[in-house]
Amino acid sequence: MRMMLRSLGFGTVLQAASGEAAKDEFNARIPDLIICDINMTPTNGFAFVKWVRQRNSGGLRTPVLFLTSHTEREVVMKAKELGVDGFLVKPVGAADLTLRVERAMRVYTR
């Protein structure tokens, strides 16, 4: 994933081992894009995105893509309610990653 993102032009790609570590990264430096797994611990992806959205302010809205194998209707609806910008279904190929990232970034250019 990191190599694919770099090939899309992302110079710095940060990686967090947990939802709590991702919060620390976010607080240190608001990212241009978040790709987040739903199944994180102790903070799952839904709780993390809710937390991110509460911190987005002043017109800033960080685009978020869920990386997941969950495609159930309930999961998709909950994600949309939280403002998730798209899904990357595992396994992710370069073409799908490119498409989803471009769509998310187009909407939220800074």
PDB file of N, CA and C in Angstrom:
ATOM      1  N   MET A   1       0.826  -1.189   0.000  1.00  0.00           N
ATOM      2  CA  MET A   1       0.000   0.000   0.000  1.00  0.00           C
ATOM      3  C   MET A   1       0.870   1.253   0.000  1.00  0.00           C
ATOM      4  N   ARG A   2       1.889   1.240   0.836  1.00  0.00           N
ATOM      5  CA  ARG A   2       2.788   2.404   0.922  1.00  0.00           C
ATOM      6  C   ARG A   2       3.443   2.687  -0.431  1.00  0.00           C
ATOM      7  N   MET A   3       3.912   1.644  -1.099  1.00  0.00           N
ATOM      8  CA  MET A   3       4.558   1.825  -2.402  1.00  0.00           C
ATOM      9  C   MET A   3       3.562   2.325  -3.442  1.00  0.00           C
ATOM     10  N   MET A   4       2.344   1.806  -3.403  1.00  0.00           N
ATOM     11  CA  MET A   4       1.335   2.267  -4.356  1.00  0.00           C
ATOM     12  C   MET A   4       1.009   3.740  -4.119  1.00  0.00           C
ATOM     13  N   LEU A   5       0.907   4.161  -2.854  1.00  0.00           N
ATOM     14  CA  LEU A   5       0.624   5.560  -2.559  1.00  0.00           C
ATOM     15  C   LEU A   5       1.771   6.462  -3.003  1.00  0.00           C
ATOM     16  N   ARG A   6       2.978   6.012  -2.806  1.00  0.00           N
ATOM     17  CA  ARG A   6       4.129   6.809  -3.254  1.00  0.00           C
ATOM     18  C   ARG A   6       4.129   6.962  -4.771  1.00  0.00           C
ATOM     19  N   SER A   7       3.712   5.912  -5.468  1.00  0.00           N
ATOM     20  CA  SER A   7       3.658   6.000  -6.930  1.00  0.00           C
ATOM     21  C   SER A   7       2.578   6.979  -7.390  1.00  0.00           C
ATOM     22  N   LEU A   8       1.607   7.276  -6.517  1.00  0.00           N
ATOM     23  CA  LEU A   8       0.576   8.265  -6.823  1.00  0.00           C
ATOM     24  C   LEU A   8       1.023   9.688  -6.487  1.00  0.00           C
ATOM     25  N   GLY A   9       2.226   9.817  -5.930  1.00  0.00           N
ATOM     26  CA  GLY A   9       2.757  11.133  -5.645  1.00  0.00           C
ATOM     27  C   GLY A   9       2.731  11.549  -4.188  1.00  0.00           C
ATOM     28  N   PHE A  10       2.313  10.661  -3.308  1.00  0.00           N
ATOM     29  CA  PHE A  10       2.356  10.974  -1.884  1.00  0.00           C
ATOM     30  C   PHE A  10       3.788  10.807  -1.405  1.00  0.00           C
ATOM     31  N   GLY A  11       4.411  11.905  -1.005  1.00  0.00           N
ATOM     32  CA  GLY A  11       5.801  11.850  -0.573  1.00  0.00           C
ATOM     33  C   GLY A  11       5.973  11.246   0.806  1.00  0.00           C
ATOM     34  N   THR A  12       5.077  11.591   1.703  1.00  0.00           N
ATOM     35  CA  THR A  12       5.144  11.090   3.068  1.00  0.00           C
ATOM     36  C   THR A  12       3.927  10.227   3.319  1.00  0.00           C
ATOM     37  N   VAL A  13       4.164   9.000   3.676  1.00  0.00           N
ATOM     38  CA  VAL A  13       3.082   8.068   3.997  1.00  0.00           C
ATOM     39  C   VAL A  13       3.317   7.588   5.423  1.00  0.00           C
ATOM     40  N   LEU A  14       2.423   7.986   6.314  1.00  0.00           N
ATOM     41  CA  LEU A  14       2.529   7.588   7.712  1.00  0.00           C
ATOM     42  C   LEU A  14       1.682   6.356   7.947  1.00  0.00           C
ATOM     43  N   GLN A  15       2.124   5.538   8.858  1.00  0.00           N
ATOM     44  CA  GLN A  15       1.418   4.302   9.176  1.00  0.00           C
ATOM     45  C   GLN A  15       1.294   4.198  10.682  1.00  0.00           C
ATOM     46  N   ALA A  16       0.093   3.824  11.142  1.00  0.00           N
ATOM     47  CA  ALA A  16      -0.134   3.682  12.578  1.00  0.00           C
ATOM     48  C   ALA A  16      -0.548   2.250  12.871  1.00  0.00           C
ATOM     49  N   ALA A  17      -0.068   1.723  13.980  1.00  0.00           N
ATOM     50  CA  ALA A  17      -0.325   0.333  14.342  1.00  0.00           C
ATOM     51  C   ALA A  17      -1.685   0.125  14.999  1.00  0.00           C
ATOM     52  N   SER A  18      -2.333   1.220  15.416  1.00  0.00           N
ATOM     53  CA  SER A  18      -3.628   1.101  16.090  1.00  0.00           C
ATOM     54  C   SER A  18      -4.403   2.394  15.913  1.00  0.00           C
ATOM     55  N   GLY A  19      -5.672   2.359  16.296  1.00  0.00           N
ATOM     56  CA  GLY A  19      -6.484   3.564  16.248  1.00  0.00           C
ATOM     57  C   GLY A  19      -5.941   4.650  17.155  1.00  0.00           C
ATOM     58  N   GLU A  20      -5.439   4.261  18.310  1.00  0.00           N
ATOM     59  CA  GLU A  20      -4.874   5.241  19.248  1.00  0.00           C
ATOM     60  C   GLU A  20      -3.609   5.874  18.672  1.00  0.00           C
ATOM     61  N   ALA A  21      -2.781   5.064  18.038  1.00  0.00           N
ATOM     62  CA  ALA A  21      -1.568   5.601  17.410  1.00  0.00           C
ATOM     63  C   ALA A  21      -1.940   6.516  16.244  1.00  0.00           C
ATOM     64  N   ALA A  22      -3.007   6.180  15.537  1.00  0.00           N
ATOM     65  CA  ALA A  22      -3.471   7.023  14.431  1.00  0.00           C
ATOM     66  C   ALA A  22      -3.941   8.383  14.949  1.00  0.00           C
ATOM     67  N   LYS A  23      -4.577   8.411  16.107  1.00  0.00           N
ATOM     68  CA  LYS A  23      -4.984   9.686  16.712  1.00  0.00           C
ATOM     69  C   LYS A  23      -3.758  10.538  17.016  1.00  0.00           C
ATOM     70  N   ASP A  24      -2.723   9.920  17.550  1.00  0.00           N
ATOM     71  CA  ASP A  24      -1.486  10.651  17.840  1.00  0.00           C
ATOM     72  C   ASP A  24      -0.881  11.239  16.570  1.00  0.00           C
ATOM     73  N   GLU A  25      -0.867  10.442  15.502  1.00  0.00           N
ATOM     74  CA  GLU A  25      -0.336  10.916  14.217  1.00  0.00           C
ATOM     75  C   GLU A  25      -1.161  12.085  13.702  1.00  0.00           C
ATOM     76  N   PHE A  26      -2.485  11.962  13.789  1.00  0.00           N
ATOM     77  CA  PHE A  26      -3.379  13.013  13.325  1.00  0.00           C
ATOM     78  C   PHE A  26      -3.139  14.306  14.103  1.00  0.00           C
ATOM     79  N   ASN A  27      -3.001  14.203  15.411  1.00  0.00           N
ATOM     80  CA  ASN A  27      -2.770  15.384  16.237  1.00  0.00           C
ATOM     81  C   ASN A  27      -1.432  16.042  15.929  1.00  0.00           C
ATOM     82  N   ALA A  28      -0.454  15.252  15.569  1.00  0.00           N
ATOM     83  CA  ALA A  28       0.877  15.782  15.263  1.00  0.00           C
ATOM     84  C   ALA A  28       0.900  16.493  13.905  1.00  0.00           C
ATOM     85  N   ARG A  29       0.126  15.968  12.971  1.00  0.00           N
ATOM     86  CA  ARG A  29       0.158  16.516  11.611  1.00  0.00           C
ATOM     87  C   ARG A  29      -1.088  16.054  10.875  1.00  0.00           C
ATOM     88  N   ILE A  30      -1.998  16.973  10.582  1.00  0.00           N
ATOM     89  CA  ILE A  30      -3.238  16.603   9.899  1.00  0.00           C
ATOM     90  C   ILE A  30      -2.888  16.120   8.489  1.00  0.00           C
ATOM     91  N   PRO A  31      -3.269  14.883   8.175  1.00  0.00           N
ATOM     92  CA  PRO A  31      -2.901  14.316   6.872  1.00  0.00           C
ATOM     93  C   PRO A  31      -3.784  14.833   5.735  1.00  0.00           C
ATOM     94  N   ASP A  32      -3.294  14.675   4.522  1.00  0.00           N
ATOM     95  CA  ASP A  32      -4.071  15.034   3.333  1.00  0.00           C
ATOM     96  C   ASP A  32      -5.133  13.981   3.034  1.00  0.00           C
ATOM     97  N   LEU A  33      -4.910  12.762   3.486  1.00  0.00           N
ATOM     98  CA  LEU A  33      -5.803  11.636   3.220  1.00  0.00           C
ATOM     99  C   LEU A  33      -5.590  10.597   4.306  1.00  0.00           C
ATOM    100  N   ILE A  34      -6.688   9.960   4.716  1.00  0.00           N
ATOM    101  CA  ILE A  34      -6.600   8.847   5.662  1.00  0.00           C
ATOM    102  C   ILE A  34      -7.159   7.605   5.002  1.00  0.00           C
ATOM    103  N   ILE A  35      -6.385   6.532   5.045  1.00  0.00           N
ATOM    104  CA  ILE A  35      -6.875   5.213   4.652  1.00  0.00           C
ATOM    105  C   ILE A  35      -6.895   4.400   5.927  1.00  0.00           C
ATOM    106  N   CYS A  36      -8.081   3.941   6.292  1.00  0.00           N
ATOM    107  CA  CYS A  36      -8.296   3.389   7.619  1.00  0.00           C
ATOM    108  C   CYS A  36      -8.991   2.034   7.532  1.00  0.00           C
ATOM    109  N   ASP A  37      -8.473   1.079   8.252  1.00  0.00           N
ATOM    110  CA  ASP A  37      -9.127  -0.226   8.355  1.00  0.00           C
ATOM    111  C   ASP A  37     -10.276  -0.119   9.350  1.00  0.00           C
ATOM    112  N   ILE A  38     -11.335  -0.839   9.137  1.00  0.00           N
ATOM    113  CA  ILE A  38     -12.447  -0.851  10.088  1.00  0.00           C
ATOM    114  C   ILE A  38     -12.056  -1.618  11.342  1.00  0.00           C
ATOM    115  N   ASN A  39     -11.336  -2.722  11.166  1.00  0.00           N
ATOM    116  CA  ASN A  39     -11.001  -3.614  12.282  1.00  0.00           C
ATOM    117  C   ASN A  39      -9.682  -3.223  12.930  1.00  0.00           C
ATOM    118  N   MET A  40      -9.700  -2.132  13.690  1.00  0.00           N
ATOM    119  CA  MET A  40      -8.532  -1.722  14.467  1.00  0.00           C
ATOM    120  C   MET A  40      -8.887  -1.896  15.940  1.00  0.00           C
ATOM    121  N   THR A  41      -7.866  -1.965  16.767  1.00  0.00           N
ATOM    122  CA  THR A  41      -8.097  -2.028  18.207  1.00  0.00           C
ATOM    123  C   THR A  41      -7.146  -1.062  18.896  1.00  0.00           C
ATOM    124  N   PRO A  42      -7.438  -0.558  20.029  1.00  0.00           N
ATOM    125  CA  PRO A  42      -8.713  -0.673  20.733  1.00  0.00           C
ATOM    126  C   PRO A  42      -9.796   0.215  20.132  1.00  0.00           C
ATOM    127  N   THR A  43      -9.411   1.196  19.309  1.00  0.00           N
ATOM    128  CA  THR A  43     -10.373   2.066  18.637  1.00  0.00           C
ATOM    129  C   THR A  43     -10.620   1.523  17.237  1.00  0.00           C
ATOM    130  N   ASN A  44     -11.873   1.160  16.915  1.00  0.00           N
ATOM    131  CA  ASN A  44     -12.144   0.639  15.567  1.00  0.00           C
ATOM    132  C   ASN A  44     -12.248   1.790  14.568  1.00  0.00           C
ATOM    133  N   GLY A  45     -12.353   1.444  13.302  1.00  0.00           N
ATOM    134  CA  GLY A  45     -12.381   2.447  12.247  1.00  0.00           C
ATOM    135  C   GLY A  45     -13.542   3.414  12.349  1.00  0.00           C
ATOM    136  N   PHE A  46     -14.709   2.924  12.741  1.00  0.00           N
ATOM    137  CA  PHE A  46     -15.867   3.807  12.883  1.00  0.00           C
ATOM    138  C   PHE A  46     -15.616   4.867  13.950  1.00  0.00           C
ATOM    139  N   ALA A  47     -15.129   4.443  15.105  1.00  0.00           N
ATOM    140  CA  ALA A  47     -14.854   5.379  16.197  1.00  0.00           C
ATOM    141  C   ALA A  47     -13.752   6.358  15.797  1.00  0.00           C
ATOM    142  N   PHE A  48     -12.749   5.874  15.077  1.00  0.00           N
ATOM    143  CA  PHE A  48     -11.668   6.747  14.647  1.00  0.00           C
ATOM    144  C   PHE A  48     -12.180   7.819  13.691  1.00  0.00           C
ATOM    145  N   VAL A  49     -13.005   7.438  12.719  1.00  0.00           N
ATOM    146  CA  VAL A  49     -13.525   8.412  11.758  1.00  0.00           C
ATOM    147  C   VAL A  49     -14.417   9.429  12.467  1.00  0.00           C
ATOM    148  N   LYS A  50     -15.217   8.968  13.401  1.00  0.00           N
ATOM    149  CA  LYS A  50     -16.049   9.896  14.175  1.00  0.00           C
ATOM    150  C   LYS A  50     -15.153  10.904  14.903  1.00  0.00           C
ATOM    151  N   TRP A  51     -14.089  10.423  15.493  1.00  0.00           N
ATOM    152  CA  TRP A  51     -13.125  11.274  16.194  1.00  0.00           C
ATOM    153  C   TRP A  51     -12.500  12.285  15.230  1.00  0.00           C
ATOM    154  N   VAL A  52     -12.100  11.831  14.035  1.00  0.00           N
ATOM    155  CA  VAL A  52     -11.505  12.717  13.024  1.00  0.00           C
ATOM    156  C   VAL A  52     -12.494  13.796  12.629  1.00  0.00           C
ATOM    157  N   ARG A  53     -13.736  13.409  12.362  1.00  0.00           N
ATOM    158  CA  ARG A  53     -14.738  14.380  11.931  1.00  0.00           C
ATOM    159  C   ARG A  53     -15.006  15.425  13.013  1.00  0.00           C
ATOM    160  N   GLN A  54     -14.905  15.053  14.255  1.00  0.00           N
ATOM    161  CA  GLN A  54     -15.098  16.008  15.341  1.00  0.00           C
ATOM    162  C   GLN A  54     -13.955  17.019  15.390  1.00  0.00           C
ATOM    163  N   ARG A  55     -12.802  16.663  14.893  1.00  0.00           N
ATOM    164  CA  ARG A  55     -11.649  17.552  14.899  1.00  0.00           C
ATOM    165  C   ARG A  55     -11.527  18.376  13.631  1.00  0.00           C
ATOM    166  N   ASN A  56     -12.166  17.947  12.562  1.00  0.00           N
ATOM    167  CA  ASN A  56     -12.141  18.741  11.338  1.00  0.00           C
ATOM    168  C   ASN A  56     -12.942  20.019  11.575  1.00  0.00           C
ATOM    169  N   SER A  57     -12.310  21.146  11.316  1.00  0.00           N
ATOM    170  CA  SER A  57     -12.991  22.417  11.554  1.00  0.00           C
ATOM    171  C   SER A  57     -12.505  23.458  10.560  1.00  0.00           C
ATOM    172  N   GLY A  58     -13.159  24.587  10.560  1.00  0.00           N
ATOM    173  CA  GLY A  58     -12.732  25.695   9.708  1.00  0.00           C
ATOM    174  C   GLY A  58     -12.760  25.355   8.236  1.00  0.00           C
ATOM    175  N   GLY A  59     -13.706  24.542   7.808  1.00  0.00           N
ATOM    176  CA  GLY A  59     -13.809  24.161   6.409  1.00  0.00           C
ATOM    177  C   GLY A  59     -12.906  23.006   6.027  1.00  0.00           C
ATOM    178  N   LEU A  60     -12.035  22.587   6.943  1.00  0.00           N
ATOM    179  CA  LEU A  60     -11.149  21.456   6.666  1.00  0.00           C
ATOM    180  C   LEU A  60     -11.904  20.156   6.871  1.00  0.00           C
ATOM    181  N   ARG A  61     -11.825  19.286   5.903  1.00  0.00           N
ATOM    182  CA  ARG A  61     -12.438  17.971   6.026  1.00  0.00           C
ATOM    183  C   ARG A  61     -11.487  16.973   5.394  1.00  0.00           C
ATOM    184  N   THR A  62     -10.817  16.218   6.221  1.00  0.00           N
ATOM    185  CA  THR A  62      -9.831  15.251   5.748  1.00  0.00           C
ATOM    186  C   THR A  62     -10.538  14.095   5.061  1.00  0.00           C
ATOM    187  N   PRO A  63     -10.205  13.804   3.808  1.00  0.00           N
ATOM    188  CA  PRO A  63     -10.830  12.662   3.138  1.00  0.00           C
ATOM    189  C   PRO A  63     -10.420  11.345   3.800  1.00  0.00           C
ATOM    190  N   VAL A  64     -11.398  10.445   3.927  1.00  0.00           N
ATOM    191  CA  VAL A  64     -11.171   9.146   4.559  1.00  0.00           C
ATOM    192  C   VAL A  64     -11.679   8.041   3.653  1.00  0.00           C
ATOM    193  N   LEU A  65     -10.822   7.056   3.425  1.00  0.00           N
ATOM    194  CA  LEU A  65     -11.202   5.841   2.715  1.00  0.00           C
ATOM    195  C   LEU A  65     -11.097   4.680   3.685  1.00  0.00           C
ATOM    196  N   PHE A  66     -12.106   3.829   3.702  1.00  0.00           N
ATOM    197  CA  PHE A  66     -12.039   2.622   4.511  1.00  0.00           C
ATOM    198  C   PHE A  66     -11.393   1.511   3.708  1.00  0.00           C
ATOM    199  N   LEU A  67     -10.420   0.866   4.285  1.00  0.00           N
ATOM    200  CA  LEU A  67      -9.776  -0.320   3.736  1.00  0.00           C
ATOM    201  C   LEU A  67     -10.375  -1.503   4.477  1.00  0.00           C
ATOM    202  N   THR A  68     -11.109  -2.358   3.769  1.00  0.00           N
ATOM    203  CA  THR A  68     -11.865  -3.385   4.475  1.00  0.00           C
ATOM    204  C   THR A  68     -12.258  -4.538   3.566  1.00  0.00           C
ATOM    205  N   SER A  69     -12.675  -5.615   4.186  1.00  0.00           N
ATOM    206  CA  SER A  69     -13.293  -6.711   3.452  1.00  0.00           C
ATOM    207  C   SER A  69     -14.791  -6.728   3.727  1.00  0.00           C
ATOM    208  N   HIS A  70     -15.252  -5.777   4.568  1.00  0.00           N
ATOM    209  CA  HIS A  70     -16.674  -5.682   4.903  1.00  0.00           C
ATOM    210  C   HIS A  70     -17.413  -4.862   3.847  1.00  0.00           C
ATOM    211  N   THR A  71     -18.368  -5.492   3.192  1.00  0.00           N
ATOM    212  CA  THR A  71     -19.170  -4.781   2.189  1.00  0.00           C
ATOM    213  C   THR A  71     -20.663  -4.900   2.488  1.00  0.00           C
ATOM    214  N   GLU A  72     -20.983  -5.326   3.708  1.00  0.00           N
ATOM    215  CA  GLU A  72     -22.378  -5.473   4.075  1.00  0.00           C
ATOM    216  C   GLU A  72     -23.078  -4.115   4.083  1.00  0.00           C
ATOM    217  N   ARG A  73     -24.344  -4.123   3.747  1.00  0.00           N
ATOM    218  CA  ARG A  73     -25.142  -2.893   3.648  1.00  0.00           C
ATOM    219  C   ARG A  73     -25.055  -2.059   4.933  1.00  0.00           C
ATOM    220  N   GLU A  74     -25.147  -2.709   6.083  1.00  0.00           N
ATOM    221  CA  GLU A  74     -25.119  -1.974   7.354  1.00  0.00           C
ATOM    222  C   GLU A  74     -23.787  -1.239   7.538  1.00  0.00           C
ATOM    223  N   VAL A  75     -22.716  -1.898   7.137  1.00  0.00           N
ATOM    224  CA  VAL A  75     -21.378  -1.298   7.258  1.00  0.00           C
ATOM    225  C   VAL A  75     -21.269  -0.084   6.348  1.00  0.00           C
ATOM    226  N   VAL A  76     -21.727  -0.233   5.113  1.00  0.00           N
ATOM    227  CA  VAL A  76     -21.658   0.864   4.144  1.00  0.00           C
ATOM    228  C   VAL A  76     -22.499   2.046   4.617  1.00  0.00           C
ATOM    229  N   MET A  77     -23.698   1.786   5.115  1.00  0.00           N
ATOM    230  CA  MET A  77     -24.582   2.859   5.579  1.00  0.00           C
ATOM    231  C   MET A  77     -23.975   3.589   6.783  1.00  0.00           C
ATOM    232  N   LYS A  78     -23.431   2.847   7.717  1.00  0.00           N
ATOM    233  CA  LYS A  78     -22.811   3.466   8.893  1.00  0.00           C
ATOM    234  C   LYS A  78     -21.623   4.327   8.479  1.00  0.00           C
ATOM    235  N   ALA A  79     -20.841   3.823   7.534  1.00  0.00           N
ATOM    236  CA  ALA A  79     -19.689   4.574   7.049  1.00  0.00           C
ATOM    237  C   ALA A  79     -20.127   5.876   6.377  1.00  0.00           C
ATOM    238  N   LYS A  80     -21.169   5.807   5.569  1.00  0.00           N
ATOM    239  CA  LYS A  80     -21.663   7.018   4.905  1.00  0.00           C
ATOM    240  C   LYS A  80     -22.167   8.031   5.915  1.00  0.00           C
ATOM    241  N   GLU A  81     -22.846   7.554   6.954  1.00  0.00           N
ATOM    242  CA  GLU A  81     -23.335   8.454   8.008  1.00  0.00           C
ATOM    243  C   GLU A  81     -22.179   9.199   8.680  1.00  0.00           C
ATOM    244  N   LEU A  82     -21.044   8.541   8.799  1.00  0.00           N
ATOM    245  CA  LEU A  82     -19.869   9.149   9.428  1.00  0.00           C
ATOM    246  C   LEU A  82     -19.076  10.037   8.478  1.00  0.00           C
ATOM    247  N   GLY A  83     -19.411   9.982   7.201  1.00  0.00           N
ATOM    248  CA  GLY A  83     -18.712  10.811   6.232  1.00  0.00           C
ATOM    249  C   GLY A  83     -17.500  10.169   5.600  1.00  0.00           C
ATOM    250  N   VAL A  84     -17.469   8.829   5.570  1.00  0.00           N
ATOM    251  CA  VAL A  84     -16.384   8.138   4.871  1.00  0.00           C
ATOM    252  C   VAL A  84     -16.550   8.401   3.374  1.00  0.00           C
ATOM    253  N   ASP A  85     -15.448   8.689   2.698  1.00  0.00           N
ATOM    254  CA  ASP A  85     -15.489   9.113   1.302  1.00  0.00           C
ATOM    255  C   ASP A  85     -15.414   7.980   0.290  1.00  0.00           C
ATOM    256  N   GLY A  86     -15.134   6.768   0.740  1.00  0.00           N
ATOM    257  CA  GLY A  86     -15.081   5.640  -0.189  1.00  0.00           C
ATOM    258  C   GLY A  86     -14.533   4.406   0.485  1.00  0.00           C
ATOM    259  N   PHE A  87     -14.593   3.318  -0.258  1.00  0.00           N
ATOM    260  CA  PHE A  87     -14.138   2.019   0.232  1.00  0.00           C
ATOM    261  C   PHE A  87     -13.072   1.458  -0.683  1.00  0.00           C
ATOM    262  N   LEU A  88     -12.085   0.845  -0.074  1.00  0.00           N
ATOM    263  CA  LEU A  88     -11.096   0.043  -0.779  1.00  0.00           C
ATOM    264  C   LEU A  88     -11.305  -1.376  -0.273  1.00  0.00           C
ATOM    265  N   VAL A  89     -11.786  -2.237  -1.144  1.00  0.00           N
ATOM    266  CA  VAL A  89     -12.086  -3.609  -0.736  1.00  0.00           C
ATOM    267  C   VAL A  89     -10.844  -4.466  -0.942  1.00  0.00           C
ATOM    268  N   LYS A  90     -10.469  -5.172   0.143  1.00  0.00           N
ATOM    269  CA  LYS A  90      -9.288  -6.045   0.111  1.00  0.00           C
ATOM    270  C   LYS A  90      -9.540  -7.245  -0.786  1.00  0.00           C
ATOM    271  N   PRO A  91      -8.549  -7.685  -1.510  1.00  0.00           N
ATOM    272  CA  PRO A  91      -7.229  -7.073  -1.730  1.00  0.00           C
ATOM    273  C   PRO A  91      -7.347  -5.882  -2.684  1.00  0.00           C
ATOM    274  N   VAL A  92      -6.548  -4.876  -2.456  1.00  0.00           N
ATOM    275  CA  VAL A  92      -6.616  -3.633  -3.223  1.00  0.00           C
ATOM    276  C   VAL A  92      -5.588  -3.656  -4.344  1.00  0.00           C
ATOM    277  N   GLY A  93      -6.044  -3.368  -5.528  1.00  0.00           N
ATOM    278  CA  GLY A  93      -5.141  -3.252  -6.671  1.00  0.00           C
ATOM    279  C   GLY A  93      -4.790  -1.801  -6.924  1.00  0.00           C
ATOM    280  N   ALA A  94      -3.748  -1.577  -7.675  1.00  0.00           N
ATOM    281  CA  ALA A  94      -3.266  -0.221  -7.940  1.00  0.00           C
ATOM    282  C   ALA A  94      -4.312   0.621  -8.669  1.00  0.00           C
ATOM    283  N   ALA A  95      -5.027   0.040  -9.610  1.00  0.00           N
ATOM    284  CA  ALA A  95      -6.031   0.799 -10.367  1.00  0.00           C
ATOM    285  C   ALA A  95      -7.165   1.270  -9.463  1.00  0.00           C
ATOM    286  N   ASP A  96      -7.645   0.399  -8.586  1.00  0.00           N
ATOM    287  CA  ASP A  96      -8.724   0.771  -7.676  1.00  0.00           C
ATOM    288  C   ASP A  96      -8.242   1.818  -6.678  1.00  0.00           C
ATOM    289  N   LEU A  97      -7.050   1.654  -6.152  1.00  0.00           N
ATOM    290  CA  LEU A  97      -6.488   2.628  -5.227  1.00  0.00           C
ATOM    291  C   LEU A  97      -6.386   3.996  -5.903  1.00  0.00           C
ATOM    292  N   THR A  98      -5.876   4.025  -7.105  1.00  0.00           N
ATOM    293  CA  THR A  98      -5.728   5.274  -7.853  1.00  0.00           C
ATOM    294  C   THR A  98      -7.078   5.964  -8.031  1.00  0.00           C
ATOM    295  N   LEU A  99      -8.072   5.212  -8.463  1.00  0.00           N
ATOM    296  CA  LEU A  99      -9.408   5.759  -8.694  1.00  0.00           C
ATOM    297  C   LEU A  99     -10.008   6.338  -7.417  1.00  0.00           C
ATOM    298  N   ARG A 100      -9.972   5.576  -6.341  1.00  0.00           N
ATOM    299  CA  ARG A 100     -10.586   6.018  -5.074  1.00  0.00           C
ATOM    300  C   ARG A 100      -9.856   7.225  -4.488  1.00  0.00           C
ATOM    301  N   VAL A 101      -8.536   7.207  -4.535  1.00  0.00           N
ATOM    302  CA  VAL A 101      -7.760   8.329  -4.004  1.00  0.00           C
ATOM    303  C   VAL A 101      -8.023   9.582  -4.824  1.00  0.00           C
ATOM    304  N   GLU A 102      -8.019   9.463  -6.133  1.00  0.00           N
ATOM    305  CA  GLU A 102      -8.270  10.630  -6.982  1.00  0.00           C
ATOM    306  C   GLU A 102      -9.646  11.218  -6.712  1.00  0.00           C
ATOM    307  N   ARG A 103     -10.655  10.380  -6.570  1.00  0.00           N
ATOM    308  CA  ARG A 103     -12.011  10.870  -6.278  1.00  0.00           C
ATOM    309  C   ARG A 103     -12.052  11.598  -4.940  1.00  0.00           C
ATOM    310  N   ALA A 104     -11.469  10.999  -3.920  1.00  0.00           N
ATOM    311  CA  ALA A 104     -11.496  11.602  -2.588  1.00  0.00           C
ATOM    312  C   ALA A 104     -10.722  12.919  -2.571  1.00  0.00           C
ATOM    313  N   MET A 105      -9.593  12.964  -3.208  1.00  0.00           N
ATOM    314  CA  MET A 105      -8.749  14.149  -3.178  1.00  0.00           C
ATOM    315  C   MET A 105      -9.349  15.276  -4.032  1.00  0.00           C
ATOM    316  N   ARG A 106     -10.044  14.931  -5.079  1.00  0.00           N
ATOM    317  CA  ARG A 106     -10.664  15.940  -5.958  1.00  0.00           C
ATOM    318  C   ARG A 106     -11.696  16.752  -5.184  1.00  0.00           C
ATOM    319  N   VAL A 107     -12.433  16.093  -4.322  1.00  0.00           N
ATOM    320  CA  VAL A 107     -13.495  16.758  -3.570  1.00  0.00           C
ATOM    321  C   VAL A 107     -12.915  17.660  -2.489  1.00  0.00           C
ATOM    322  N   TYR A 108     -11.799  17.261  -1.906  1.00  0.00           N
ATOM    323  CA  TYR A 108     -11.250  17.972  -0.735  1.00  0.00           C
ATOM    324  C   TYR A 108      -9.889  18.575  -0.995  1.00  0.00           C
ATOM    325  N   THR A 109      -9.720  19.243  -2.101  1.00  0.00           N
ATOM    326  CA  THR A 109      -8.433  19.875  -2.325  1.00  0.00           C
ATOM    327  C   THR A 109      -8.272  21.042  -1.371  1.00  0.00           C
ATOM    328  N   ARG A 110      -7.063  21.223  -0.886  1.00  0.00           N
ATOM    329  CA  ARG A 110      -6.800  22.301   0.095  1.00  0.00           C
ATOM    330  C   ARG A 110      -6.357  23.547  -0.597  1.00  0.00           C
TER     331      ARG A 110
END
